[in-house]
């Protein structure tokens, strides 16, 4: 689902974009420290951490 956006970013802006389908939150600081830009798509359900994760989110890095 997010791969077409990553491809678009690569083609139009010449930036390498990577879709991470399974990325732990603890890994994000390392990506930022490496100079990557991180765009995270999250479900509105994260407002309720006591509930099970609903899924349907993704993370892009470039």
Protein backbone atom coordinates (compact mmCIF):
# COMPACT_ATOMS: atom_id res chain seq x y z
CA UNK A 1 0.00 0.00 0.00
CA UNK A 2 2.82 2.44 0.80
CA UNK A 3 5.24 1.19 -1.85
CA UNK A 4 3.70 3.36 -4.61
CA UNK A 5 4.33 6.48 -2.50
CA UNK A 6 7.95 5.44 -1.90
CA UNK A 7 8.36 4.91 -5.64
CA UNK A 8 6.83 8.34 -6.33
CA UNK A 9 9.23 10.05 -3.91
CA UNK A 10 12.15 8.30 -5.58
CA UNK A 11 11.07 9.20 -9.11
CA UNK A 12 9.89 12.77 -8.57
CA UNK A 13 12.31 13.98 -5.90
CA UNK A 14 15.28 11.69 -6.46
CA UNK A 15 15.21 10.60 -2.82
CA UNK A 16 15.62 6.99 -1.79
CA UNK A 17 12.48 5.96 0.06
CA UNK A 18 12.08 2.75 2.04
CA UNK A 19 8.88 1.25 3.38
CA UNK A 20 9.34 -0.47 6.74
CA UNK A 21 6.43 -2.82 7.30
CA UNK A 22 7.61 -3.87 10.75
CA UNK A 23 9.63 -1.21 12.54
CA UNK A 24 9.85 -0.99 16.29
CA UNK A 25 9.47 2.50 17.73
CA UNK A 26 12.88 2.08 19.37
CA UNK A 27 14.47 1.91 15.88
CA UNK A 28 13.25 5.37 14.82
CA UNK A 29 15.92 7.41 16.70
CA UNK A 30 18.65 5.47 14.88
CA UNK A 31 17.11 6.32 11.51
CA UNK A 32 16.87 9.99 12.48
CA UNK A 33 20.47 9.98 13.74
CA UNK A 34 21.50 8.56 10.35
CA UNK A 35 19.95 11.59 8.66
CA UNK A 36 16.81 9.83 7.43
CA UNK A 37 13.42 11.52 7.35
CA UNK A 38 10.74 9.39 8.98
CA UNK A 39 7.05 9.63 8.13
CA UNK A 40 4.90 7.40 10.30
CA UNK A 41 1.29 6.56 9.53
CA UNK A 42 -0.48 5.53 12.69
CA UNK A 43 -4.01 4.45 13.51
CA UNK A 44 -6.14 6.81 15.61
CA UNK A 45 -6.47 3.97 18.10
CA UNK A 46 -3.02 4.79 19.52
CA UNK A 47 -4.83 7.31 21.70
CA UNK A 48 -5.97 4.32 23.76
CA UNK A 49 -2.82 2.32 24.61
CA UNK A 50 -4.76 0.04 26.93
CA UNK A 51 -6.62 -1.40 23.91
CA UNK A 52 -5.17 -3.92 21.43
CA UNK A 53 -3.37 -2.41 18.44
CA UNK A 54 -5.82 -2.16 15.52
CA UNK A 55 -3.11 -2.38 12.81
CA UNK A 56 -3.27 -0.55 9.52
CA UNK A 57 -0.24 1.70 9.97
CA UNK A 58 3.09 2.01 8.24
CA UNK A 59 6.36 3.91 8.36
CA UNK A 60 8.25 5.50 5.48
CA UNK A 61 11.86 6.60 5.64
CA UNK A 62 13.89 8.63 3.19
